[in-house]
Amino acid sequence: MKSGNMTINPSTPLILDSNEYIFGISGDKASCARLIDRLDTLRVFVPAMVLQEVRRNLDALYGLGVVFFRLIAFQDNITIVWSPPPENLLQTYLKRGFAEEDAAIAATAEMVGARYIISENRHFLQHTSSLPFQVIDAETALKLL
């Protein structure tokens, strides 16, 4: 995608990596918190693996797991993706050098047609060429809103 075509509107399909929710809900990173504040205006797919990781980490580190569930519960714009991605898609991302969890998120993004994965993970952010979606951080996402 050319930078001129990069925008996020209410119908743009997105996946937020676990760290966006964790840093945003905990307040550890201002850009993530601002993005989470706008969650109700975004079209978000939440892979089951992300759901579990966020709950586990928010509970263990901050005692805030219930806050995450309140945030996403009963939101028409948020879809939890319970189905794992197809094995062939997962293998494609593993062969490209993605870590296992990142490969699962990337494969899910492709499966649901996400236009962006939003992540603060530097390993995720290094895989940016020839993907069917863009990998951006929260600060960039906020500029595109």
Foldseek 3Di string as FASTA:
>chain_A
DDPVPQAFFQPAEEEEALVLLQCLVVVVDVLSVVVLVCVLGHQYEYEPVSLVVNLVCCCVPPNCSVVVCVSPPPRPSYHYDDDFADPVQLVVVVVVPDDNVLSRVLSVCVVVVHQEYEYPDVSNQVPAPPGSHGYYYSVVNVVRD
